[in-house]
Amino acid sequence: WIFLTDEQLALFSQETQDEVARLCEYRR
């Protein structure tokens, strides 16, 4: 398990959301 700072977690979360949105666009 890797501990992330709040800033890193926020950045990771944003990138993940972008990736999910991209996958949703691809599946449509």
Foldseek 3Di string as FASTA:
>chain_A
DDDDDPVVVVVVVVVVVVVVVVVVVVVD
